[in-house]
mmCIF file of all heavy atoms, coordinates in Angstrom:
data_MODEL
# 
_entry.id   MODEL 
# 
loop_
_atom_site.group_PDB 
_atom_site.id 
_atom_site.type_symbol 
_atom_site.label_atom_id 
_atom_site.label_alt_id 
_atom_site.label_comp_id 
_atom_site.label_asym_id 
_atom_site.label_entity_id 
_atom_site.label_seq_id 
_atom_site.pdbx_PDB_ins_code 
_atom_site.Cartn_x 
_atom_site.Cartn_y 
_atom_site.Cartn_z 
_atom_site.occupancy 
_atom_site.B_iso_or_equiv 
_atom_site.pdbx_formal_charge 
_atom_site.auth_seq_id 
_atom_site.auth_comp_id 
_atom_site.auth_asym_id 
_atom_site.auth_atom_id 
_atom_site.pdbx_PDB_model_num 
ATOM 1   N N   . ALA A 1 1  ? -3.757  -28.272 -3.954  1.00 0.00 ? 1  ALA A N   1 
ATOM 2   C CA  . ALA A 1 1  ? -2.851  -27.139 -3.748  1.00 0.00 ? 1  ALA A CA  1 
ATOM 3   C C   . ALA A 1 1  ? -1.996  -26.849 -4.988  1.00 0.00 ? 1  ALA A C   1 
ATOM 4   O O   . ALA A 1 1  ? -1.418  -25.774 -5.100  1.00 0.00 ? 1  ALA A O   1 
ATOM 5   C CB  . ALA A 1 1  ? -1.943  -27.415 -2.550  1.00 0.00 ? 1  ALA A CB  1 
ATOM 6   N N   . GLU A 1 2  ? -1.905  -27.805 -5.897  1.00 0.00 ? 2  GLU A N   1 
ATOM 7   C CA  . GLU A 1 2  ? -1.106  -27.628 -7.117  1.00 0.00 ? 2  GLU A CA  1 
ATOM 8   C C   . GLU A 1 2  ? -1.885  -26.818 -8.139  1.00 0.00 ? 2  GLU A C   1 
ATOM 9   O O   . GLU A 1 2  ? -3.122  -26.820 -8.146  1.00 0.00 ? 2  GLU A O   1 
ATOM 10  C CB  . GLU A 1 2  ? -0.742  -28.984 -7.719  1.00 0.00 ? 2  GLU A CB  1 
ATOM 11  C CG  . GLU A 1 2  ? 0.229   -29.782 -6.897  1.00 0.00 ? 2  GLU A CG  1 
ATOM 12  C CD  . GLU A 1 2  ? 1.640   -29.266 -6.994  1.00 0.00 ? 2  GLU A CD  1 
ATOM 13  O OE1 . GLU A 1 2  ? 2.028   -28.742 -8.054  1.00 0.00 ? 2  GLU A OE1 1 
ATOM 14  O OE2 . GLU A 1 2  ? 2.373   -29.397 -5.999  1.00 0.00 ? 2  GLU A OE2 1 
ATOM 15  N N   . GLU A 1 3  ? -1.160  -26.156 -9.022  1.00 0.00 ? 3  GLU A N   1 
ATOM 16  C CA  . GLU A 1 3  ? -1.806  -25.298 -10.012 1.00 0.00 ? 3  GLU A CA  1 
ATOM 17  C C   . GLU A 1 3  ? -1.394  -25.714 -11.423 1.00 0.00 ? 3  GLU A C   1 
ATOM 18  O O   . GLU A 1 3  ? -0.207  -25.914 -11.693 1.00 0.00 ? 3  GLU A O   1 
ATOM 19  C CB  . GLU A 1 3  ? -1.409  -23.848 -9.752  1.00 0.00 ? 3  GLU A CB  1 
ATOM 20  C CG  . GLU A 1 3  ? -2.223  -22.839 -10.492 1.00 0.00 ? 3  GLU A CG  1 
ATOM 21  C CD  . GLU A 1 3  ? -1.994  -21.434 -9.965  1.00 0.00 ? 3  GLU A CD  1 
ATOM 22  O OE1 . GLU A 1 3  ? -0.849  -20.952 -10.032 1.00 0.00 ? 3  GLU A OE1 1 
ATOM 23  O OE2 . GLU A 1 3  ? -2.954  -20.831 -9.479  1.00 0.00 ? 3  GLU A OE2 1 
ATOM 24  N N   . LEU A 1 4  ? -2.371  -25.840 -12.280 1.00 0.00 ? 4  LEU A N   1 
ATOM 25  C CA  . LEU A 1 4  ? -2.137  -26.030 -13.702 1.00 0.00 ? 4  LEU A CA  1 
ATOM 26  C C   . LEU A 1 4  ? -1.970  -24.640 -14.301 1.00 0.00 ? 4  LEU A C   1 
ATOM 27  O O   . LEU A 1 4  ? -2.819  -23.773 -14.097 1.00 0.00 ? 4  LEU A O   1 
ATOM 28  C CB  . LEU A 1 4  ? -3.338  -26.733 -14.349 1.00 0.00 ? 4  LEU A CB  1 
ATOM 29  C CG  . LEU A 1 4  ? -3.416  -26.705 -15.873 1.00 0.00 ? 4  LEU A CG  1 
ATOM 30  C CD1 . LEU A 1 4  ? -2.323  -27.571 -16.482 1.00 0.00 ? 4  LEU A CD1 1 
ATOM 31  C CD2 . LEU A 1 4  ? -4.786  -27.173 -16.346 1.00 0.00 ? 4  LEU A CD2 1 
ATOM 32  N N   . ALA A 1 5  ? -0.863  -24.401 -15.003 1.00 0.00 ? 5  ALA A N   1 
ATOM 33  C CA  . ALA A 1 5  ? -0.630  -23.091 -15.620 1.00 0.00 ? 5  ALA A CA  1 
ATOM 34  C C   . ALA A 1 5  ? -0.716  -23.229 -17.130 1.00 0.00 ? 5  ALA A C   1 
ATOM 35  O O   . ALA A 1 5  ? -0.127  -24.139 -17.718 1.00 0.00 ? 5  ALA A O   1 
ATOM 36  C CB  . ALA A 1 5  ? 0.726   -22.537 -15.213 1.00 0.00 ? 5  ALA A CB  1 
ATOM 37  N N   . VAL A 1 6  ? -1.485  -22.333 -17.730 1.00 0.00 ? 6  VAL A N   1 
ATOM 38  C CA  . VAL A 1 6  ? -1.627  -22.269 -19.180 1.00 0.00 ? 6  VAL A CA  1 
ATOM 39  C C   . VAL A 1 6  ? -1.138  -20.882 -19.583 1.00 0.00 ? 6  VAL A C   1 
ATOM 40  O O   . VAL A 1 6  ? -1.660  -19.874 -19.103 1.00 0.00 ? 6  VAL A O   1 
ATOM 41  C CB  . VAL A 1 6  ? -3.088  -22.487 -19.615 1.00 0.00 ? 6  VAL A CB  1 
ATOM 42  C CG1 . VAL A 1 6  ? -3.201  -22.494 -21.126 1.00 0.00 ? 6  VAL A CG1 1 
ATOM 43  C CG2 . VAL A 1 6  ? -3.641  -23.784 -19.023 1.00 0.00 ? 6  VAL A CG2 1 
ATOM 44  N N   . ALA A 1 7  ? -0.115  -20.832 -20.459 1.00 0.00 ? 7  ALA A N   1 
ATOM 45  C CA  . ALA A 1 7  ? 0.518   -19.550 -20.775 1.00 0.00 ? 7  ALA A CA  1 
ATOM 46  C C   . ALA A 1 7  ? 0.612   -19.328 -22.277 1.00 0.00 ? 7  ALA A C   1 
ATOM 47  O O   . ALA A 1 7  ? 0.806   -20.265 -23.049 1.00 0.00 ? 7  ALA A O   1 
ATOM 48  C CB  . ALA A 1 7  ? 1.913   -19.493 -20.163 1.00 0.00 ? 7  ALA A CB  1 
ATOM 49  N N   . TRP A 1 8  ? 0.465   -18.077 -22.641 1.00 0.00 ? 8  TRP A N   1 
ATOM 50  C CA  . TRP A 1 8  ? 0.659   -17.611 -24.007 1.00 0.00 ? 8  TRP A CA  1 
ATOM 51  C C   . TRP A 1 8  ? 1.895   -16.706 -23.953 1.00 0.00 ? 8  TRP A C   1 
ATOM 52  O O   . TRP A 1 8  ? 1.794   -15.519 -23.625 1.00 0.00 ? 8  TRP A O   1 
ATOM 53  C CB  . TRP A 1 8  ? -0.566  -16.847 -24.492 1.00 0.00 ? 8  TRP A CB  1 
ATOM 54  C CG  . TRP A 1 8  ? -1.755  -17.711 -24.717 1.00 0.00 ? 8  TRP A CG  1 
ATOM 55  C CD1 . TRP A 1 8  ? -2.185  -18.201 -25.919 1.00 0.00 ? 8  TRP A CD1 1 
ATOM 56  C CD2 . TRP A 1 8  ? -2.699  -18.186 -23.745 1.00 0.00 ? 8  TRP A CD2 1 
ATOM 57  N NE1 . TRP A 1 8  ? -3.326  -18.960 -25.738 1.00 0.00 ? 8  TRP A NE1 1 
ATOM 58  C CE2 . TRP A 1 8  ? -3.656  -18.965 -24.417 1.00 0.00 ? 8  TRP A CE2 1 
ATOM 59  C CE3 . TRP A 1 8  ? -2.804  -18.048 -22.358 1.00 0.00 ? 8  TRP A CE3 1 
ATOM 60  C CZ2 . TRP A 1 8  ? -4.710  -19.589 -23.763 1.00 0.00 ? 8  TRP A CZ2 1 
ATOM 61  C CZ3 . TRP A 1 8  ? -3.855  -18.667 -21.708 1.00 0.00 ? 8  TRP A CZ3 1 
ATOM 62  C CH2 . TRP A 1 8  ? -4.790  -19.430 -22.404 1.00 0.00 ? 8  TRP A CH2 1 
ATOM 63  N N   . PRO A 1 9  ? 3.089   -17.237 -24.276 1.00 0.00 ? 9  PRO A N   1 
ATOM 64  C CA  . PRO A 1 9  ? 4.341   -16.497 -24.052 1.00 0.00 ? 9  PRO A CA  1 
ATOM 65  C C   . PRO A 1 9  ? 4.445   -15.177 -24.811 1.00 0.00 ? 9  PRO A C   1 
ATOM 66  O O   . PRO A 1 9  ? 5.057   -14.233 -24.301 1.00 0.00 ? 9  PRO A O   1 
ATOM 67  C CB  . PRO A 1 9  ? 5.426   -17.469 -24.527 1.00 0.00 ? 9  PRO A CB  1 
ATOM 68  C CG  . PRO A 1 9  ? 4.781   -18.803 -24.545 1.00 0.00 ? 9  PRO A CG  1 
ATOM 69  C CD  . PRO A 1 9  ? 3.324   -18.586 -24.759 1.00 0.00 ? 9  PRO A CD  1 
ATOM 70  N N   . ASP A 1 10 ? 3.884   -15.090 -25.991 1.00 0.00 ? 10 ASP A N   1 
ATOM 71  C CA  . ASP A 1 10 ? 4.045   -13.882 -26.807 1.00 0.00 ? 10 ASP A CA  1 
ATOM 72  C C   . ASP A 1 10 ? 2.844   -12.943 -26.744 1.00 0.00 ? 10 ASP A C   1 
ATOM 73  O O   . ASP A 1 10 ? 2.775   -11.990 -27.516 1.00 0.00 ? 10 ASP A O   1 
ATOM 74  C CB  . ASP A 1 10 ? 4.304   -14.272 -28.270 1.00 0.00 ? 10 ASP A CB  1 
ATOM 75  C CG  . ASP A 1 10 ? 5.563   -15.110 -28.401 1.00 0.00 ? 10 ASP A CG  1 
ATOM 76  O OD1 . ASP A 1 10 ? 6.528   -14.834 -27.658 1.00 0.00 ? 10 ASP A OD1 1 
ATOM 77  O OD2 . ASP A 1 10 ? 5.581   -16.044 -29.227 1.00 0.00 ? 10 ASP A OD2 1 
ATOM 78  N N   . LEU A 1 11 ? 1.919   -13.210 -25.850 1.00 0.00 ? 11 LEU A N   1 
ATOM 79  C CA  . LEU A 1 11 ? 0.679   -12.425 -25.813 1.00 0.00 ? 11 LEU A CA  1 
ATOM 80  C C   . LEU A 1 11 ? 0.751   -11.319 -24.768 1.00 0.00 ? 11 LEU A C   1 
ATOM 81  O O   . LEU A 1 11 ? 1.026   -11.575 -23.594 1.00 0.00 ? 11 LEU A O   1 
ATOM 82  C CB  . LEU A 1 11 ? -0.514  -13.345 -25.517 1.00 0.00 ? 11 LEU A CB  1 
ATOM 83  C CG  . LEU A 1 11 ? -1.886  -12.690 -25.442 1.00 0.00 ? 11 LEU A CG  1 
ATOM 84  C CD1 . LEU A 1 11 ? -2.220  -11.968 -26.750 1.00 0.00 ? 11 LEU A CD1 1 
ATOM 85  C CD2 . LEU A 1 11 ? -2.941  -13.738 -25.140 1.00 0.00 ? 11 LEU A CD2 1 
ATOM 86  N N   . GLU A 1 12 ? 0.507   -10.114 -25.209 1.00 0.00 ? 12 GLU A N   1 
ATOM 87  C CA  . GLU A 1 12 ? 0.390   -8.962  -24.320 1.00 0.00 ? 12 GLU A CA  1 
ATOM 88  C C   . GLU A 1 12 ? -0.997  -8.370  -24.550 1.00 0.00 ? 12 GLU A C   1 
ATOM 89  O O   . GLU A 1 12 ? -1.330  -7.978  -25.671 1.00 0.00 ? 12 GLU A O   1 
ATOM 90  C CB  . GLU A 1 12 ? 1.464   -7.914  -24.631 1.00 0.00 ? 12 GLU A CB  1 
ATOM 91  C CG  . GLU A 1 12 ? 2.879   -8.377  -24.367 1.00 0.00 ? 12 GLU A CG  1 
ATOM 92  C CD  . GLU A 1 12 ? 3.166   -8.635  -22.888 1.00 0.00 ? 12 GLU A CD  1 
ATOM 93  O OE1 . GLU A 1 12 ? 2.527   -7.997  -22.027 1.00 0.00 ? 12 GLU A OE1 1 
ATOM 94  O OE2 . GLU A 1 12 ? 4.030   -9.483  -22.613 1.00 0.00 ? 12 GLU A OE2 1 
ATOM 95  N N   . LEU A 1 13 ? -1.821  -8.330  -23.520 1.00 0.00 ? 13 LEU A N   1 
ATOM 96  C CA  . LEU A 1 13 ? -3.172  -7.789  -23.640 1.00 0.00 ? 13 LEU A CA  1 
ATOM 97  C C   . LEU A 1 13 ? -3.215  -6.339  -23.190 1.00 0.00 ? 13 LEU A C   1 
ATOM 98  O O   . LEU A 1 13 ? -2.460  -5.937  -22.300 1.00 0.00 ? 13 LEU A O   1 
ATOM 99  C CB  . LEU A 1 13 ? -4.145  -8.615  -22.789 1.00 0.00 ? 13 LEU A CB  1 
ATOM 100 C CG  . LEU A 1 13 ? -4.356  -10.071 -23.202 1.00 0.00 ? 13 LEU A CG  1 
ATOM 101 C CD1 . LEU A 1 13 ? -5.268  -10.774 -22.202 1.00 0.00 ? 13 LEU A CD1 1 
ATOM 102 C CD2 . LEU A 1 13 ? -4.923  -10.170 -24.604 1.00 0.00 ? 13 LEU A CD2 1 
ATOM 103 N N   . ASN A 1 14 ? -4.159  -5.582  -23.762 1.00 0.00 ? 14 ASN A N   1 
ATOM 104 C CA  . ASN A 1 14 ? -4.345  -4.203  -23.315 1.00 0.00 ? 14 ASN A CA  1 
ATOM 105 C C   . ASN A 1 14 ? -5.113  -4.193  -21.997 1.00 0.00 ? 14 ASN A C   1 
ATOM 106 O O   . ASN A 1 14 ? -5.599  -5.224  -21.525 1.00 0.00 ? 14 ASN A O   1 
ATOM 107 C CB  . ASN A 1 14 ? -5.035  -3.364  -24.398 1.00 0.00 ? 14 ASN A CB  1 
ATOM 108 C CG  . ASN A 1 14 ? -6.430  -3.852  -24.715 1.00 0.00 ? 14 ASN A CG  1 
ATOM 109 O OD1 . ASN A 1 14 ? -7.130  -4.406  -23.864 1.00 0.00 ? 14 ASN A OD1 1 
ATOM 110 N ND2 . ASN A 1 14 ? -6.861  -3.651  -25.951 1.00 0.00 ? 14 ASN A ND2 1 
ATOM 111 N N   . ARG A 1 15 ? -5.197  -3.026  -21.382 1.00 0.00 ? 15 ARG A N   1 
ATOM 112 C CA  . ARG A 1 15 ? -5.826  -2.891  -20.064 1.00 0.00 ? 15 ARG A CA  1 
ATOM 113 C C   . ARG A 1 15 ? -7.271  -3.384  -20.070 1.00 0.00 ? 15 ARG A C   1 
ATOM 114 O O   . ARG A 1 15 ? -7.706  -4.079  -19.151 1.00 0.00 ? 15 ARG A O   1 
ATOM 115 C CB  . ARG A 1 15 ? -5.751  -1.432  -19.602 1.00 0.00 ? 15 ARG A CB  1 
ATOM 116 C CG  . ARG A 1 15 ? -6.299  -1.199  -18.198 1.00 0.00 ? 15 ARG A CG  1 
ATOM 117 C CD  . ARG A 1 15 ? -6.227  0.257   -17.773 1.00 0.00 ? 15 ARG A CD  1 
ATOM 118 N NE  . ARG A 1 15 ? -6.823  1.191   -18.708 1.00 0.00 ? 15 ARG A NE  1 
ATOM 119 C CZ  . ARG A 1 15 ? -8.153  1.403   -18.827 1.00 0.00 ? 15 ARG A CZ  1 
ATOM 120 N NH1 . ARG A 1 15 ? -8.989  0.759   -18.064 1.00 0.00 ? 15 ARG A NH1 1 
ATOM 121 N NH2 . ARG A 1 15 ? -8.614  2.283   -19.691 1.00 0.00 ? 15 ARG A NH2 1 
ATOM 122 N N   . GLU A 1 16 ? -8.043  -3.032  -21.097 1.00 0.00 ? 16 GLU A N   1 
ATOM 123 C CA  . GLU A 1 16 ? -9.454  -3.439  -21.160 1.00 0.00 ? 16 GLU A CA  1 
ATOM 124 C C   . GLU A 1 16 ? -9.587  -4.964  -21.209 1.00 0.00 ? 16 GLU A C   1 
ATOM 125 O O   . GLU A 1 16 ? -10.436 -5.543  -20.531 1.00 0.00 ? 16 GLU A O   1 
ATOM 126 C CB  . GLU A 1 16 ? -10.162 -2.818  -22.371 1.00 0.00 ? 16 GLU A CB  1 
ATOM 127 C CG  . GLU A 1 16 ? -10.325 -1.317  -22.298 1.00 0.00 ? 16 GLU A CG  1 
ATOM 128 C CD  . GLU A 1 16 ? -9.082  -0.560  -22.750 1.00 0.00 ? 16 GLU A CD  1 
ATOM 129 O OE1 . GLU A 1 16 ? -8.191  -1.160  -23.402 1.00 0.00 ? 16 GLU A OE1 1 
ATOM 130 O OE2 . GLU A 1 16 ? -8.984  0.636   -22.429 1.00 0.00 ? 16 GLU A OE2 1 
ATOM 131 N N   . ASN A 1 17 ? -8.730  -5.615  -22.009 1.00 0.00 ? 17 ASN A N   1 
ATOM 132 C CA  . ASN A 1 17 ? -8.776  -7.074  -22.091 1.00 0.00 ? 17 ASN A CA  1 
ATOM 133 C C   . ASN A 1 17 ? -8.370  -7.715  -20.775 1.00 0.00 ? 17 ASN A C   1 
ATOM 134 O O   . ASN A 1 17 ? -8.956  -8.719  -20.363 1.00 0.00 ? 17 ASN A O   1 
ATOM 135 C CB  . ASN A 1 17 ? -7.873  -7.581  -23.220 1.00 0.00 ? 17 ASN A CB  1 
ATOM 136 C CG  . ASN A 1 17 ? -8.514  -7.442  -24.574 1.00 0.00 ? 17 ASN A CG  1 
ATOM 137 O OD1 . ASN A 1 17 ? -9.726  -7.521  -24.715 1.00 0.00 ? 17 ASN A OD1 1 
ATOM 138 N ND2 . ASN A 1 17 ? -7.700  -7.227  -25.598 1.00 0.00 ? 17 ASN A ND2 1 
ATOM 139 N N   . LEU A 1 18 ? -7.363  -7.150  -20.106 1.00 0.00 ? 18 LEU A N   1 
ATOM 140 C CA  . LEU A 1 18 ? -6.948  -7.705  -18.821 1.00 0.00 ? 18 LEU A CA  1 
ATOM 141 C C   . LEU A 1 18 ? -8.048  -7.562  -17.777 1.00 0.00 ? 18 LEU A C   1 
ATOM 142 O O   . LEU A 1 18 ? -8.287  -8.477  -16.986 1.00 0.00 ? 18 LEU A O   1 
ATOM 143 C CB  . LEU A 1 18 ? -5.665  -7.026  -18.340 1.00 0.00 ? 18 LEU A CB  1 
ATOM 144 C CG  . LEU A 1 18 ? -4.396  -7.392  -19.107 1.00 0.00 ? 18 LEU A CG  1 
ATOM 145 C CD1 . LEU A 1 18 ? -3.226  -6.530  -18.636 1.00 0.00 ? 18 LEU A CD1 1 
ATOM 146 C CD2 . LEU A 1 18 ? -4.077  -8.866  -18.965 1.00 0.00 ? 18 LEU A CD2 1 
ATOM 147 N N   . GLU A 1 19 ? -8.731  -6.418  -17.764 1.00 0.00 ? 19 GLU A N   1 
ATOM 148 C CA  . GLU A 1 19 ? -9.830  -6.219  -16.809 1.00 0.00 ? 19 GLU A CA  1 
ATOM 149 C C   . GLU A 1 19 ? -10.963 -7.211  -17.072 1.00 0.00 ? 19 GLU A C   1 
ATOM 150 O O   . GLU A 1 19 ? -11.525 -7.793  -16.137 1.00 0.00 ? 19 GLU A O   1 
ATOM 151 C CB  . GLU A 1 19 ? -10.346 -4.787  -16.883 1.00 0.00 ? 19 GLU A CB  1 
ATOM 152 C CG  . GLU A 1 19 ? -9.381  -3.774  -16.301 1.00 0.00 ? 19 GLU A CG  1 
ATOM 153 C CD  . GLU A 1 19 ? -9.806  -2.331  -16.536 1.00 0.00 ? 19 GLU A CD  1 
ATOM 154 O OE1 . GLU A 1 19 ? -10.850 -2.086  -17.181 1.00 0.00 ? 19 GLU A OE1 1 
ATOM 155 O OE2 . GLU A 1 19 ? -9.075  -1.434  -16.064 1.00 0.00 ? 19 GLU A OE2 1 
ATOM 156 N N   . LEU A 1 20 ? -11.308 -7.397  -18.347 1.00 0.00 ? 20 LEU A N   1 
ATOM 157 C CA  . LEU A 1 20 ? -12.355 -8.367  -18.690 1.00 0.00 ? 20 LEU A CA  1 
ATOM 158 C C   . LEU A 1 20 ? -11.914 -9.768  -18.293 1.00 0.00 ? 20 LEU A C   1 
ATOM 159 O O   . LEU A 1 20 ? -12.687 -10.516 -17.680 1.00 0.00 ? 20 LEU A O   1 
ATOM 160 C CB  . LEU A 1 20 ? -12.686 -8.304  -20.178 1.00 0.00 ? 20 LEU A CB  1 
ATOM 161 C CG  . LEU A 1 20 ? -13.669 -9.366  -20.683 1.00 0.00 ? 20 LEU A CG  1 
ATOM 162 C CD1 . LEU A 1 20 ? -15.006 -9.274  -19.951 1.00 0.00 ? 20 LEU A CD1 1 
ATOM 163 C CD2 . LEU A 1 20 ? -13.859 -9.243  -22.194 1.00 0.00 ? 20 LEU A CD2 1 
ATOM 164 N N   . LEU A 1 21 ? -10.692 -10.137 -18.613 1.00 0.00 ? 21 LEU A N   1 
ATOM 165 C CA  . LEU A 1 21 ? -10.197 -11.467 -18.256 1.00 0.00 ? 21 LEU A CA  1 
ATOM 166 C C   . LEU A 1 21 ? -10.234 -11.676 -16.753 1.00 0.00 ? 21 LEU A C   1 
ATOM 167 O O   . LEU A 1 21 ? -10.669 -12.732 -16.274 1.00 0.00 ? 21 LEU A O   1 
ATOM 168 C CB  . LEU A 1 21 ? -8.777  -11.665 -18.791 1.00 0.00 ? 21 LEU A CB  1 
ATOM 169 C CG  . LEU A 1 21 ? -8.141  -13.017 -18.484 1.00 0.00 ? 21 LEU A CG  1 
ATOM 170 C CD1 . LEU A 1 21 ? -8.940  -14.156 -19.105 1.00 0.00 ? 21 LEU A CD1 1 
ATOM 171 C CD2 . LEU A 1 21 ? -6.699  -13.046 -18.950 1.00 0.00 ? 21 LEU A CD2 1 
ATOM 172 N N   . ASP A 1 22 ? -9.820  -10.687 -15.981 1.00 0.00 ? 22 ASP A N   1 
ATOM 173 C CA  . ASP A 1 22 ? -9.853  -10.810 -14.513 1.00 0.00 ? 22 ASP A CA  1 
ATOM 174 C C   . ASP A 1 22 ? -11.278 -11.001 -14.003 1.00 0.00 ? 22 ASP A C   1 
ATOM 175 O O   . ASP A 1 22 ? -11.513 -11.788 -13.080 1.00 0.00 ? 22 ASP A O   1 
ATOM 176 C CB  . ASP A 1 22 ? -9.193  -9.607  -13.849 1.00 0.00 ? 22 ASP A CB  1 
ATOM 177 C CG  . ASP A 1 22 ? -7.682  -9.602  -14.015 1.00 0.00 ? 22 ASP A CG  1 
ATOM 178 O OD1 . ASP A 1 22 ? -7.103  -10.667 -14.318 1.00 0.00 ? 22 ASP A OD1 1 
ATOM 179 O OD2 . ASP A 1 22 ? -7.073  -8.522  -13.855 1.00 0.00 ? 22 ASP A OD2 1 
ATOM 180 N N   . ARG A 1 23 ? -12.244 -10.283 -14.586 1.00 0.00 ? 23 ARG A N   1 
ATOM 181 C CA  . ARG A 1 23 ? -13.650 -10.473 -14.185 1.00 0.00 ? 23 ARG A CA  1 
ATOM 182 C C   . ARG A 1 23 ? -14.113 -11.886 -14.507 1.00 0.00 ? 23 ARG A C   1 
ATOM 183 O O   . ARG A 1 23 ? -14.797 -12.524 -13.703 1.00 0.00 ? 23 ARG A O   1 
ATOM 184 C CB  . ARG A 1 23 ? -14.558 -9.463  -14.896 1.00 0.00 ? 23 ARG A CB  1 
ATOM 185 C CG  . ARG A 1 23 ? -14.594 -8.111  -14.259 1.00 0.00 ? 23 ARG A CG  1 
ATOM 186 C CD  . ARG A 1 23 ? -15.778 -7.254  -14.691 1.00 0.00 ? 23 ARG A CD  1 
ATOM 187 N NE  . ARG A 1 23 ? -16.030 -7.205  -16.119 1.00 0.00 ? 23 ARG A NE  1 
ATOM 188 C CZ  . ARG A 1 23 ? -15.442 -6.368  -16.979 1.00 0.00 ? 23 ARG A CZ  1 
ATOM 189 N NH1 . ARG A 1 23 ? -14.546 -5.509  -16.550 1.00 0.00 ? 23 ARG A NH1 1 
ATOM 190 N NH2 . ARG A 1 23 ? -15.760 -6.389  -18.241 1.00 0.00 ? 23 ARG A NH2 1 
ATOM 191 N N   . LEU A 1 24 ? -13.751 -12.372 -15.681 1.00 0.00 ? 24 LEU A N   1 
ATOM 192 C CA  . LEU A 1 24 ? -14.150 -13.731 -16.075 1.00 0.00 ? 24 LEU A CA  1 
ATOM 193 C C   . LEU A 1 24 ? -13.501 -14.781 -15.179 1.00 0.00 ? 24 LEU A C   1 
ATOM 194 O O   . LEU A 1 24 ? -14.169 -15.718 -14.726 1.00 0.00 ? 24 LEU A O   1 
ATOM 195 C CB  . LEU A 1 24 ? -13.787 -13.988 -17.541 1.00 0.00 ? 24 LEU A CB  1 
ATOM 196 C CG  . LEU A 1 24 ? -14.522 -13.148 -18.570 1.00 0.00 ? 24 LEU A CG  1 
ATOM 197 C CD1 . LEU A 1 24 ? -13.928 -13.358 -19.956 1.00 0.00 ? 24 LEU A CD1 1 
ATOM 198 C CD2 . LEU A 1 24 ? -16.007 -13.450 -18.567 1.00 0.00 ? 24 LEU A CD2 1 
ATOM 199 N N   . LEU A 1 25 ? -12.218 -14.620 -14.895 1.00 0.00 ? 25 LEU A N   1 
ATOM 200 C CA  . LEU A 1 25 ? -11.521 -15.600 -14.058 1.00 0.00 ? 25 LEU A CA  1 
ATOM 201 C C   . LEU A 1 25 ? -12.083 -15.634 -12.645 1.00 0.00 ? 25 LEU A C   1 
ATOM 202 O O   . LEU A 1 25 ? -12.203 -16.700 -12.043 1.00 0.00 ? 25 LEU A O   1 
ATOM 203 C CB  . LEU A 1 25 ? -10.019 -15.302 -14.028 1.00 0.00 ? 25 LEU A CB  1 
ATOM 204 C CG  . LEU A 1 25 ? -9.278  -15.444 -15.362 1.00 0.00 ? 25 LEU A CG  1 
ATOM 205 C CD1 . LEU A 1 25 ? -7.820  -15.050 -15.199 1.00 0.00 ? 25 LEU A CD1 1 
ATOM 206 C CD2 . LEU A 1 25 ? -9.413  -16.837 -15.938 1.00 0.00 ? 25 LEU A CD2 1 
ATOM 207 N N   . SER A 1 26 ? -12.452 -14.479 -12.111 1.00 0.00 ? 26 SER A N   1 
ATOM 208 C CA  . SER A 1 26 ? -12.987 -14.449 -10.741 1.00 0.00 ? 26 SER A CA  1 
ATOM 209 C C   . SER A 1 26 ? -14.384 -15.070 -10.658 1.00 0.00 ? 26 SER A C   1 
ATOM 210 O O   . SER A 1 26 ? -14.786 -15.526 -9.590  1.00 0.00 ? 26 SER A O   1 
ATOM 211 C CB  . SER A 1 26 ? -13.005 -13.023 -10.201 1.00 0.00 ? 26 SER A CB  1 
ATOM 212 O OG  . SER A 1 26 ? -13.960 -12.247 -10.883 1.00 0.00 ? 26 SER A OG  1 
ATOM 213 N N   . ALA A 1 27 ? -15.101 -15.119 -11.775 1.00 0.00 ? 27 ALA A N   1 
ATOM 214 C CA  . ALA A 1 27 ? -16.450 -15.702 -11.780 1.00 0.00 ? 27 ALA A CA  1 
ATOM 215 C C   . ALA A 1 27 ? -16.462 -17.164 -12.228 1.00 0.00 ? 27 ALA A C   1 
ATOM 216 O O   . ALA A 1 27 ? -17.504 -17.824 -12.167 1.00 0.00 ? 27 ALA A O   1 
ATOM 217 C CB  . ALA A 1 27 ? -17.364 -14.886 -12.701 1.00 0.00 ? 27 ALA A CB  1 
ATOM 218 N N   . TRP A 1 28 ? -15.334 -17.684 -12.660 1.00 0.00 ? 28 TRP A N   1 
ATOM 219 C CA  . TRP A 1 28 ? -15.235 -19.048 -13.192 1.00 0.00 ? 28 TRP A CA  1 
ATOM 220 C C   . TRP A 1 28 ? -15.374 -20.039 -12.048 1.00 0.00 ? 28 TRP A C   1 
ATOM 221 O O   . TRP A 1 28 ? -14.668 -19.956 -11.048 1.00 0.00 ? 28 TRP A O   1 
ATOM 222 C CB  . TRP A 1 28 ? -13.884 -19.202 -13.840 1.00 0.00 ? 28 TRP A CB  1 
ATOM 223 C CG  . TRP A 1 28 ? -13.750 -20.250 -14.886 1.00 0.00 ? 28 TRP A CG  1 
ATOM 224 C CD1 . TRP A 1 28 ? -14.457 -21.417 -14.992 1.00 0.00 ? 28 TRP A CD1 1 
ATOM 225 C CD2 . TRP A 1 28 ? -12.826 -20.244 -15.970 1.00 0.00 ? 28 TRP A CD2 1 
ATOM 226 N NE1 . TRP A 1 28 ? -14.020 -22.124 -16.077 1.00 0.00 ? 28 TRP A NE1 1 
ATOM 227 C CE2 . TRP A 1 28 ? -13.026 -21.424 -16.694 1.00 0.00 ? 28 TRP A CE2 1 
ATOM 228 C CE3 . TRP A 1 28 ? -11.854 -19.367 -16.383 1.00 0.00 ? 28 TRP A CE3 1 
ATOM 229 C CZ2 . TRP A 1 28 ? -12.270 -21.746 -17.821 1.00 0.00 ? 28 TRP A CZ2 1 
ATOM 230 C CZ3 . TRP A 1 28 ? -11.109 -19.675 -17.497 1.00 0.00 ? 28 TRP A CZ3 1 
ATOM 231 C CH2 . TRP A 1 28 ? -11.315 -20.848 -18.210 1.00 0.00 ? 28 TRP A CH2 1 
# 
């Protein structure tokens, strides 16, 4: 139930990168 969080504090992605990342995360 616990979650490991990995964060990039200064990173802001554009919409296309966020959509790609979400697709990759959902298939991981």
